[in-house]
N, C-alpha and C. Protein backbone atom coordinates (compact mmCIF):
# COMPACT_ATOMS: atom_id res chain seq x y z
N MET A 1 52.46 9.12 -61.33
CA MET A 1 53.03 8.92 -61.06
C MET A 1 54.38 10.27 -60.65
N ILE A 2 53.54 11.80 -61.19
CA ILE A 2 54.45 12.49 -61.34
C ILE A 2 54.18 13.07 -59.83
N GLN A 3 53.22 12.83 -59.13
CA GLN A 3 52.78 13.09 -57.33
C GLN A 3 53.94 12.05 -57.00
N GLU A 4 53.98 10.83 -57.71
CA GLU A 4 55.02 9.65 -56.73
C GLU A 4 56.42 10.72 -56.62
N SER A 5 56.87 11.03 -57.77
CA SER A 5 57.90 11.83 -57.86
C SER A 5 58.31 13.25 -57.10
N ASN A 6 57.13 13.70 -57.19
CA ASN A 6 57.18 15.21 -56.41
C ASN A 6 57.62 15.06 -55.05
N SER A 7 56.41 13.62 -54.18
CA SER A 7 56.83 13.18 -52.84
C SER A 7 58.32 12.51 -52.68
N LEU A 8 59.05 12.25 -53.48
CA LEU A 8 60.46 11.90 -53.35
C LEU A 8 60.92 12.39 -53.14
N GLN A 9 60.78 13.32 -54.27
CA GLN A 9 62.02 14.70 -54.23
C GLN A 9 61.92 15.61 -52.92
N SER A 10 60.41 15.69 -52.53
CA SER A 10 60.43 15.92 -51.44
C SER A 10 60.81 15.36 -49.66
N ALA A 11 60.69 14.39 -50.17
CA ALA A 11 61.59 13.04 -49.04
C ALA A 11 62.86 13.76 -48.88
N ILE A 12 63.70 13.57 -49.99
CA ILE A 12 65.46 13.57 -50.42
C ILE A 12 65.68 15.01 -49.54
N LYS A 13 64.93 15.93 -50.44
CA LYS A 13 65.28 17.38 -50.09
C LYS A 13 65.31 17.82 -48.03
N GLU A 14 63.69 17.19 -47.68
CA GLU A 14 63.64 17.46 -46.26
C GLU A 14 65.04 16.40 -45.84
N ALA A 15 65.50 15.39 -46.23
CA ALA A 15 66.26 14.29 -45.52
C ALA A 15 67.94 15.15 -45.89
N PHE A 16 68.06 15.59 -46.58
CA PHE A 16 69.41 16.68 -47.13
C PHE A 16 69.35 17.85 -45.59
N GLU A 17 68.27 18.57 -45.31
CA GLU A 17 68.11 19.59 -44.46
C GLU A 17 67.71 19.25 -43.14
N LYS A 18 67.61 18.06 -42.82
CA LYS A 18 67.33 17.64 -41.30
C LYS A 18 68.22 16.51 -41.14
N ALA A 19 68.27 15.57 -41.65
CA ALA A 19 69.08 14.10 -41.42
C ALA A 19 70.40 14.75 -40.99
N PRO A 20 71.54 13.99 -40.14
CA PRO A 20 72.61 13.83 -40.00
C PRO A 20 73.38 13.34 -41.42
N VAL A 21 74.18 13.58 -42.24
CA VAL A 21 75.29 13.64 -43.16
C VAL A 21 76.25 13.23 -42.70
N VAL A 22 76.59 12.04 -43.06
CA VAL A 22 77.53 11.20 -42.69
C VAL A 22 78.51 10.27 -43.75
N TYR A 23 79.73 10.83 -43.74
CA TYR A 23 80.52 10.58 -45.37
C TYR A 23 81.24 9.24 -44.38
N ALA A 24 81.46 8.34 -45.03
CA ALA A 24 82.54 7.05 -44.73
C ALA A 24 83.31 6.65 -46.36
N ASN A 25 84.55 6.29 -45.92
CA ASN A 25 85.70 5.29 -46.64
C ASN A 25 86.02 3.90 -46.59
N GLY A 26 85.33 3.66 -45.55
CA GLY A 26 85.61 2.61 -45.17
C GLY A 26 84.28 1.36 -44.46
N PHE A 27 83.98 0.46 -44.24
CA PHE A 27 83.30 -0.68 -43.39
C PHE A 27 83.32 -1.72 -43.16
N VAL A 28 82.79 -2.44 -42.07
CA VAL A 28 82.73 -3.67 -41.66
C VAL A 28 81.54 -3.88 -41.69
N ASN A 29 81.11 -5.07 -42.12
CA ASN A 29 79.63 -5.52 -42.00
C ASN A 29 79.73 -7.04 -41.40
N GLY A 30 78.65 -7.13 -40.76
CA GLY A 30 78.27 -8.80 -40.25
C GLY A 30 76.68 -9.13 -40.34
N LEU A 31 76.66 -10.44 -40.18
CA LEU A 31 75.52 -10.94 -40.14
C LEU A 31 74.94 -11.54 -38.71
N GLY A 32 73.63 -11.40 -38.39
CA GLY A 32 72.58 -11.61 -37.12
C GLY A 32 71.87 -12.74 -37.27
N THR A 33 70.75 -12.80 -36.43
CA THR A 33 70.09 -14.22 -36.91
C THR A 33 68.91 -13.12 -37.33
N ALA A 34 68.93 -11.92 -36.70
CA ALA A 34 67.69 -11.21 -36.89
C ALA A 34 67.47 -10.34 -37.57
N ASP A 35 69.05 -9.96 -37.98
CA ASP A 35 69.45 -8.90 -38.87
C ASP A 35 70.85 -8.20 -39.54
N VAL A 36 71.08 -7.11 -39.86
CA VAL A 36 72.13 -7.07 -40.75
C VAL A 36 72.88 -6.04 -40.25
N TYR A 37 74.71 -6.15 -39.81
CA TYR A 37 74.90 -4.80 -39.26
C TYR A 37 76.17 -4.25 -40.29
N VAL A 38 76.07 -3.14 -40.65
CA VAL A 38 77.46 -1.95 -41.24
C VAL A 38 77.91 -0.98 -40.41
N VAL A 39 79.29 -1.09 -40.47
CA VAL A 39 79.94 -0.41 -39.40
C VAL A 39 80.74 0.39 -40.10
N LEU A 40 80.44 1.95 -40.22
CA LEU A 40 80.65 2.64 -41.63
C LEU A 40 82.12 3.16 -40.64
N GLN A 41 83.12 3.62 -41.31
CA GLN A 41 84.47 3.73 -40.99
C GLN A 41 85.02 5.42 -41.50
N ILE A 42 85.60 5.92 -40.60
CA ILE A 42 86.13 6.82 -41.92
C ILE A 42 88.11 6.83 -41.07
N ASN A 43 88.47 6.52 -42.23
CA ASN A 43 90.35 6.42 -41.55
C ASN A 43 90.07 5.19 -41.05
N GLY A 44 89.64 3.74 -41.04
CA GLY A 44 90.09 2.80 -39.88
C GLY A 44 89.02 3.09 -38.78
N GLN A 45 88.51 4.40 -38.31
CA GLN A 45 88.15 4.65 -36.93
C GLN A 45 86.30 4.77 -37.22
N ASN A 46 86.09 3.83 -36.11
CA ASN A 46 84.81 3.30 -36.02
C ASN A 46 83.67 4.77 -36.34
N LEU A 47 82.80 4.91 -37.29
CA LEU A 47 81.94 6.25 -36.93
C LEU A 47 80.39 5.79 -36.52
N LEU A 48 79.92 4.69 -37.44
CA LEU A 48 78.29 4.58 -37.36
C LEU A 48 78.19 3.00 -37.30
N VAL A 49 76.81 2.74 -36.35
CA VAL A 49 76.74 1.40 -36.48
C VAL A 49 75.10 1.63 -37.35
N VAL A 50 74.98 0.95 -38.47
CA VAL A 50 73.52 0.53 -39.19
C VAL A 50 73.15 -0.64 -38.86
N ASN A 51 71.74 -0.80 -38.46
CA ASN A 51 71.29 -2.36 -38.26
C ASN A 51 70.20 -2.17 -39.13
N LEU A 52 69.99 -2.90 -39.87
CA LEU A 52 69.07 -3.56 -41.30
C LEU A 52 68.38 -4.48 -41.06
N SER A 53 67.09 -4.92 -41.50
CA SER A 53 66.59 -6.20 -41.60
C SER A 53 67.26 -7.28 -42.75
N HIS A 54 67.36 -8.36 -42.87
CA HIS A 54 68.09 -8.85 -43.84
C HIS A 54 67.17 -8.82 -45.20
N SER A 55 66.48 -8.14 -45.60
CA SER A 55 64.89 -7.98 -46.40
C SER A 55 65.67 -6.32 -46.85
N MET A 56 65.55 -5.93 -45.92
CA MET A 56 66.00 -4.10 -46.28
C MET A 56 67.75 -4.22 -46.65
N ALA A 57 68.62 -5.08 -45.95
CA ALA A 57 69.65 -4.87 -46.33
C ALA A 57 69.99 -5.51 -48.34
N LYS A 58 69.36 -6.49 -48.60
CA LYS A 58 69.49 -7.09 -49.84
C LYS A 58 69.29 -5.77 -50.54
N THR A 59 67.44 -5.15 -50.30
CA THR A 59 67.13 -4.26 -51.08
C THR A 59 68.14 -2.94 -51.38
N LEU A 60 68.53 -2.45 -50.54
CA LEU A 60 69.69 -1.77 -50.44
C LEU A 60 70.41 -1.92 -51.16
N GLY A 61 70.81 -2.85 -51.22
CA GLY A 61 72.09 -3.32 -52.22
C GLY A 61 71.88 -3.45 -52.77
N GLN A 62 70.71 -3.82 -53.75
CA GLN A 62 70.96 -3.77 -55.19
C GLN A 62 70.04 -2.49 -55.54
N SER A 63 70.18 -1.45 -54.43
CA SER A 63 69.59 -0.06 -55.07
C SER A 63 70.71 0.20 -55.15
N LEU A 64 72.13 0.68 -54.48
CA LEU A 64 73.20 1.04 -54.55
C LEU A 64 73.86 0.56 -55.48
N LEU A 65 73.80 -0.71 -56.14
CA LEU A 65 74.42 -1.60 -57.41
C LEU A 65 74.05 -0.77 -58.32
N SER A 66 72.66 -0.82 -58.40
CA SER A 66 72.02 -0.36 -59.53
C SER A 66 72.62 1.37 -59.70
N GLN A 67 72.37 2.31 -58.69
CA GLN A 67 73.26 3.36 -59.03
C GLN A 67 74.36 3.42 -59.19
N VAL A 68 75.36 2.59 -58.80
CA VAL A 68 76.63 2.66 -59.61
C VAL A 68 76.84 2.44 -60.94
N GLU A 69 75.85 1.18 -61.38
CA GLU A 69 76.04 0.70 -62.81
C GLU A 69 74.97 2.03 -63.48
N ARG A 70 74.42 2.72 -62.98
CA ARG A 70 74.01 3.64 -63.70
C ARG A 70 74.81 4.92 -64.02
N TYR A 71 75.62 5.07 -62.73
CA TYR A 71 76.94 6.03 -63.03
C TYR A 71 77.80 5.55 -64.38
N GLU A 72 78.05 4.30 -64.43
CA GLU A 72 79.30 3.70 -64.75
C GLU A 72 78.71 3.78 -66.53
N LYS A 73 77.58 3.60 -66.71
CA LYS A 73 76.71 3.47 -67.93
C LYS A 73 76.86 5.41 -68.29
N LEU A 74 76.49 5.96 -67.46
CA LEU A 74 76.47 7.33 -68.49
C LEU A 74 77.69 7.84 -68.67
N THR A 75 78.91 7.74 -67.56
CA THR A 75 80.49 8.13 -67.72
C THR A 75 81.21 7.54 -68.40
N GLY A 76 80.53 6.38 -68.53
CA GLY A 76 81.88 5.13 -69.22
C GLY A 76 82.66 4.75 -68.74
N GLN A 77 82.82 5.20 -67.27
CA GLN A 77 84.28 4.65 -66.47
C GLN A 77 83.54 3.53 -65.58
N GLU A 78 84.27 2.66 -65.58
CA GLU A 78 84.04 1.45 -64.60
C GLU A 78 84.64 1.88 -62.68
N VAL A 79 83.59 1.76 -61.65
CA VAL A 79 83.93 2.04 -60.80
C VAL A 79 84.71 1.26 -59.94
N PRO A 80 85.89 1.39 -59.13
CA PRO A 80 86.58 -0.44 -58.81
C PRO A 80 85.78 -0.16 -57.18
N THR A 81 85.71 -1.54 -56.95
CA THR A 81 85.41 -1.84 -55.96
C THR A 81 86.82 -1.40 -54.71
N LEU A 82 86.81 -1.49 -53.22
CA LEU A 82 87.92 -1.54 -52.16
C LEU A 82 88.78 -2.27 -52.74
N GLN A 83 88.40 -3.39 -53.06
CA GLN A 83 89.15 -4.72 -52.80
C GLN A 83 90.53 -4.61 -54.24
N GLU A 84 89.88 -3.69 -54.82
CA GLU A 84 90.87 -3.68 -56.53
C GLU A 84 91.34 -2.77 -56.56
N MET A 85 90.71 -1.37 -55.70
CA MET A 85 91.43 -0.31 -55.56
C MET A 85 93.12 -0.20 -54.52
N SER A 86 92.55 -1.91 -53.50
CA SER A 86 93.72 -2.29 -53.05
C SER A 86 94.45 -2.74 -53.14
N GLN A 87 94.02 -3.46 -54.62
CA GLN A 87 94.93 -4.51 -54.96
C GLN A 87 96.07 -3.53 -56.11
N LEU A 88 95.37 -2.78 -56.61
CA LEU A 88 95.98 -1.63 -57.61
C LEU A 88 97.01 -0.70 -56.68
N VAL A 89 96.77 -0.79 -55.62
CA VAL A 89 98.00 0.08 -54.88
C VAL A 89 99.29 -1.08 -54.52
N MET A 90 98.45 -2.36 -54.02
CA MET A 90 99.91 -2.90 -53.88
C MET A 90 100.82 -3.26 -55.32
N ASP A 91 100.35 -3.49 -56.05
CA ASP A 91 100.68 -3.86 -57.38
C ASP A 91 101.55 -2.92 -58.32
N SER A 92 101.23 -1.21 -57.59
CA SER A 92 102.28 -0.45 -58.04
C SER A 92 103.29 -0.19 -57.30
N LEU A 93 103.30 -1.10 -56.08
CA LEU A 93 104.18 -0.78 -54.83
C LEU A 93 105.58 -1.12 -55.42
């Protein structure tokens, strides 16, 4: 288990050293017959397209949700979705 953890840490370190880093503040996604796509956006401008198999997309979605739930538990703060944020802004106008 320690070796697996060390391998994971090494992979993460290498990814941040060698792989492109992208920031996005929006996205659109869609479903194809063979895969799922996500178009990452920054300020409404398309930045990057990511294609994933259905299985990979489901696994990634569950993993991301798990990380956000972990953050919420650690901080005691609920992270709003983009839809919730948009509604809060609209309600405040």
